[in-house]
Protein backbone atom coordinates (compact mmCIF):
# COMPACT_ATOMS: atom_id res chain seq x y z
CA MET A 1 -17.32 26.96 -53.04
CA GLN A 2 -19.03 28.62 -56.00
CA ILE A 3 -18.46 30.30 -59.35
CA GLU A 4 -17.83 34.00 -58.75
CA LYS A 5 -19.53 36.78 -60.71
CA SER A 6 -16.09 38.04 -61.69
CA THR A 7 -15.37 34.67 -63.36
CA LEU A 8 -18.41 34.87 -65.61
CA LYS A 9 -17.67 38.52 -66.27
CA TYR A 10 -14.17 37.65 -67.41
CA LEU A 11 -15.53 35.03 -69.81
CA GLN A 12 -18.06 37.52 -71.16
CA ASN A 13 -15.27 40.00 -71.81
CA LEU A 14 -13.15 37.30 -73.44
CA GLN A 15 -16.01 36.53 -75.83
CA LYS A 16 -15.94 40.15 -76.94
CA ASN A 17 -12.14 40.47 -77.02
CA ASN A 18 -10.91 37.08 -78.17
CA ASN A 19 -7.41 38.06 -79.21
CA ARG A 20 -3.90 37.58 -77.85
CA ASP A 21 -3.24 41.21 -77.00
CA TRP A 22 -6.34 41.54 -74.80
CA PHE A 23 -5.68 38.16 -73.18
CA ALA A 24 -2.12 39.17 -72.30
CA GLU A 25 -3.25 42.53 -70.88
CA HIS A 26 -5.74 40.76 -68.59
CA LYS A 27 -3.62 37.76 -67.61
CA ASP A 28 -4.05 38.44 -63.88
CA THR A 29 -7.82 38.46 -64.23
CA TYR A 30 -7.64 35.23 -66.21
CA THR A 31 -5.53 33.59 -63.51
CA LYS A 32 -8.05 34.52 -60.80
CA ALA A 33 -10.99 33.26 -62.88
CA GLN A 34 -9.16 30.04 -63.74
CA THR A 35 -8.31 29.44 -60.09
CA ASN A 36 -11.95 29.94 -59.10
CA ALA A 37 -13.15 27.48 -61.76
CA LYS A 38 -10.47 24.96 -60.79
CA GLU A 39 -11.53 25.10 -57.14
CA VAL A 40 -15.18 24.52 -58.09
CA PHE A 41 -14.22 21.60 -60.34
CA GLY A 42 -12.18 20.21 -57.45
CA ALA A 43 -15.18 20.42 -55.11
CA ILE A 44 -17.31 18.60 -57.67
CA HIS A 45 -14.64 15.92 -58.05
CA GLN A 46 -14.59 15.42 -54.30
CA LYS A 47 -18.37 14.96 -54.21
CA LEU A 48 -18.26 12.54 -57.14
CA GLN A 49 -15.77 10.38 -55.29
CA GLU A 50 -18.32 9.92 -52.52
CA HIS A 51 -20.68 7.95 -54.80
CA ASP A 52 -18.59 6.91 -57.82
CA GLU A 53 -15.02 5.93 -58.66
CA ILE A 54 -13.24 8.64 -60.63
CA GLU A 55 -9.95 7.71 -62.24
CA LYS A 56 -9.06 11.09 -63.72
CA SER A 57 -10.15 14.72 -63.46
CA LYS A 58 -8.94 17.07 -66.18
CA MET A 59 -9.49 20.79 -66.62
CA MET A 60 -9.47 21.72 -70.31
CA ARG A 61 -6.91 24.21 -71.58
CA ILE A 62 -8.30 27.59 -72.60
CA TYR A 63 -6.16 27.70 -75.73
CA ARG A 64 -7.89 26.59 -78.93
CA ASP A 65 -6.30 24.41 -81.60
CA VAL A 66 -7.03 26.52 -84.68
CA ARG A 67 -4.93 24.57 -87.20
CA PHE A 68 -7.90 22.90 -88.88
CA SER A 69 -10.68 25.30 -87.90
CA LYS A 70 -12.29 28.13 -89.82
CA ASP A 71 -12.74 29.90 -86.47
CA LYS A 72 -9.32 31.37 -85.72
CA THR A 73 -10.14 32.92 -82.34
CA PRO A 74 -7.30 31.74 -80.07
CA TYR A 75 -9.21 31.10 -76.83
CA LYS A 76 -12.19 29.15 -75.57
CA ALA A 77 -14.50 31.58 -73.78
CA HIS A 78 -15.37 28.97 -71.18
CA PHE A 79 -13.93 26.76 -68.46
CA ALA A 80 -14.54 23.03 -68.70
CA ASN A 81 -13.61 19.85 -66.88
CA SER A 82 -13.97 16.13 -67.53
CA PHE A 83 -14.18 13.38 -64.90
CA SER A 84 -13.35 9.89 -66.17
CA ARG A 85 -14.78 6.85 -64.41
CA LEU A 86 -12.53 3.99 -63.38
CA GLY A 87 -11.06 2.06 -66.29
CA LYS A 88 -12.55 -0.92 -68.10
CA ALA A 89 -14.77 -1.90 -65.19
CA LEU A 90 -16.93 1.23 -65.16
CA ARG A 91 -16.39 3.23 -68.39
CA GLY A 92 -17.92 6.54 -69.34
CA GLY A 93 -17.44 9.93 -67.76
CA TYR A 94 -18.85 13.26 -66.62
CA PHE A 95 -18.33 16.69 -68.15
CA LEU A 96 -19.04 20.28 -67.11
CA ARG A 97 -18.72 23.51 -69.06
CA VAL A 98 -19.11 27.00 -67.61
CA ARG A 99 -19.77 29.55 -70.35
CA PRO A 100 -21.94 32.70 -70.11
CA GLY A 101 -25.40 31.80 -71.40
CA GLU A 102 -24.30 28.32 -72.50
CA SER A 103 -23.31 26.33 -69.43
CA PHE A 104 -24.13 22.64 -69.29
CA LEU A 105 -23.18 19.33 -67.74
CA ALA A 106 -23.13 16.00 -69.49
CA GLY A 107 -22.48 12.39 -68.70
CA GLY A 108 -22.23 9.14 -70.58
CA PHE A 109 -20.34 7.87 -73.58
CA TRP A 110 -19.26 10.63 -75.97
CA GLU A 111 -17.26 8.67 -78.56
CA PRO A 112 -17.28 4.99 -77.57
CA SER A 113 -14.79 2.76 -79.33
CA LYS A 114 -15.92 0.82 -82.38
CA GLU A 115 -16.11 -2.33 -80.27
CA ASP A 116 -18.06 -0.70 -77.43
CA LEU A 117 -20.52 0.94 -79.82
CA PHE A 118 -21.15 -2.38 -81.57
CA ARG A 119 -21.74 -4.08 -78.20
CA ILE A 120 -24.25 -1.39 -77.16
CA ARG A 121 -26.04 -1.68 -80.49
CA LYS A 122 -26.25 -5.47 -80.18
CA GLU A 123 -27.84 -5.01 -76.75
CA ILE A 124 -30.38 -2.58 -78.23
CA GLU A 125 -31.07 -4.98 -81.08
CA LEU A 126 -31.66 -7.85 -78.66
CA ASP A 127 -33.68 -5.98 -76.01
CA ALA A 128 -33.69 -2.23 -75.38
CA SER A 129 -36.29 -2.37 -72.61
CA GLU A 130 -33.85 -1.65 -69.76
CA ILE A 131 -32.37 1.32 -71.62
CA LYS A 132 -35.84 2.71 -72.34
CA ASP A 133 -36.81 2.19 -68.70
CA ILE A 134 -33.95 4.51 -67.71
CA LEU A 135 -35.17 7.16 -70.16
CA LYS A 136 -38.64 6.93 -68.59
CA ASP A 137 -37.32 7.07 -65.02
CA LYS A 138 -38.80 10.00 -63.11
CA ASN A 139 -35.47 11.28 -61.79
CA PHE A 140 -33.73 10.93 -65.16
CA LYS A 141 -36.56 12.84 -66.84
CA LYS A 142 -36.36 15.55 -64.18
CA HIS A 143 -32.66 16.19 -64.80
CA PHE A 144 -32.21 15.23 -68.45
CA GLY A 145 -35.60 15.41 -70.13
CA GLY A 146 -35.83 11.67 -70.60
CA LYS A 147 -33.57 11.45 -73.64
CA PHE A 148 -30.04 10.76 -74.80
CA GLU A 149 -28.16 13.32 -76.82
CA SER A 150 -25.93 12.16 -79.64
CA PHE A 151 -24.03 14.90 -81.38
CA SER A 152 -23.48 12.58 -84.31
CA GLU A 153 -25.74 9.86 -85.65
CA LEU A 154 -26.42 7.84 -88.77
CA LYS A 155 -29.23 8.66 -91.18
CA THR A 156 -30.37 5.06 -91.12
CA ALA A 157 -29.61 1.85 -89.23
CA PRO A 158 -25.92 0.88 -89.04
CA ARG A 159 -24.69 -1.79 -91.43
CA GLY A 160 -25.83 -5.24 -90.39
CA PHE A 161 -28.84 -3.98 -88.40
CA ASP A 162 -32.50 -3.97 -89.47
CA LYS A 163 -33.61 -0.60 -90.83
CA GLU A 164 -37.13 -1.41 -89.60
CA HIS A 165 -36.05 -2.28 -86.06
CA LEU A 166 -38.43 -0.93 -83.42
CA ASP A 167 -35.57 0.96 -81.74
CA VAL A 168 -33.74 2.13 -84.84
CA ALA A 169 -33.57 5.66 -83.37
CA LEU A 170 -31.28 4.29 -80.63
CA LEU A 171 -29.32 2.15 -83.08
CA ARG A 172 -28.47 5.20 -85.19
CA LYS A 173 -26.70 6.99 -82.35
CA LYS A 174 -22.89 7.14 -82.33
CA GLY A 175 -22.79 8.16 -78.68
CA PHE A 176 -25.04 8.16 -75.63
CA ILE A 177 -24.95 11.37 -73.59
CA ALA A 178 -27.32 12.92 -71.08
CA VAL A 179 -27.19 16.73 -71.02
CA LYS A 180 -28.52 19.39 -68.67
CA ASN A 181 -28.27 23.14 -69.32
CA PHE A 182 -27.84 25.85 -66.69
CA THR A 183 -28.66 29.54 -66.66
CA ASP A 184 -26.09 32.06 -65.50
CA GLU A 185 -28.16 32.59 -62.38
CA GLU A 186 -27.94 28.88 -61.57
CA VAL A 187 -24.20 28.83 -62.27
CA LEU A 188 -23.67 31.70 -59.82
CA SER A 189 -25.82 30.10 -57.14
CA ALA A 190 -24.15 29.13 -53.87
CA ASP A 191 -25.81 25.73 -54.39
CA PHE A 192 -24.36 25.13 -57.88
CA VAL A 193 -21.92 22.41 -56.81
CA ASN A 194 -24.74 20.53 -55.07
CA GLN A 195 -26.99 20.91 -58.12
CA ILE A 196 -24.28 19.43 -60.31
CA ASP A 197 -23.78 16.54 -57.93
CA GLU A 198 -27.51 15.76 -57.78
CA SER A 199 -27.63 15.61 -61.57
CA TYR A 200 -24.59 13.37 -61.68
CA LYS A 201 -26.23 11.06 -59.13
CA ALA A 202 -29.25 10.83 -61.43
CA LEU A 203 -26.95 9.31 -64.06
CA ARG A 204 -26.03 6.28 -61.98
CA PRO A 205 -28.75 3.89 -63.27
CA PHE A 206 -27.64 4.79 -66.81
CA PHE A 207 -23.97 4.23 -65.97
CA ASN A 208 -24.66 1.04 -64.05
CA LEU A 209 -26.56 -0.50 -66.97
CA PHE A 210 -24.02 0.52 -69.61
CA SER A 211 -21.12 -0.64 -67.42
CA ASP A 212 -22.82 -4.01 -67.18
CA ILE A 213 -23.40 -4.13 -70.95
CA LEU A 214 -19.80 -3.24 -71.77
CA THR A 215 -18.26 -5.73 -69.36
CA THR A 216 -20.33 -8.76 -70.41
CA ASN A 217 -21.14 -10.59 -73.64
CA LEU A 218 -24.67 -11.17 -74.91
CA ASN A 219 -24.87 -14.26 -72.68
CA GLY A 220 -24.19 -12.14 -69.61
CA GLU A 221 -20.70 -13.58 -69.12
CA SER A 222 -17.93 -11.27 -67.88
CA ILE A 223 -15.36 -10.17 -70.45
CA VAL A 224 -13.10 -8.15 -68.11
């Protein structure tokens, strides 16, 4: 199972012709591309279930919500899917986007709840050594460059935390995500599904630690 050239080609054409008339005229091509992407996402889901517990897999709709956006193009010129880990016990999730020239996978905690974010920050404040060990891990560095992405962060330490804390850069983050980009050539590779799965496997130490943090208090006692 792999992403077909025709699927990327359709998305490239959609980027250039992002309007309702063109979309309607090429609905059959869209359906074929969508089916191909859905099958690949399904294969990835199946592999994830072999080494993690996935509660929900969701393919994103191609239709954009333009009500509050300056960009009024009606369609997303990509296919994307999220894979949510099992409930309160595990937390976090995986994500994959296929878009010509801008494909990537991600995993972690995109917008943790206020309570979860506070708990993570308290852990960092107390002792961030285990988190930093994950960032320095050889396999994590190979797949994710040894860093967390946070698409939103504070300019200084959050209220109630020391602005001079040694790990203030981690405290400022509003989310904790690992990201890996893919070229179109990699996306079209017959080995793409396996590449995705290997990267997702590299996230397990990160997930295991954060699952432990979010299911215990600062004394290490279970809260679930």
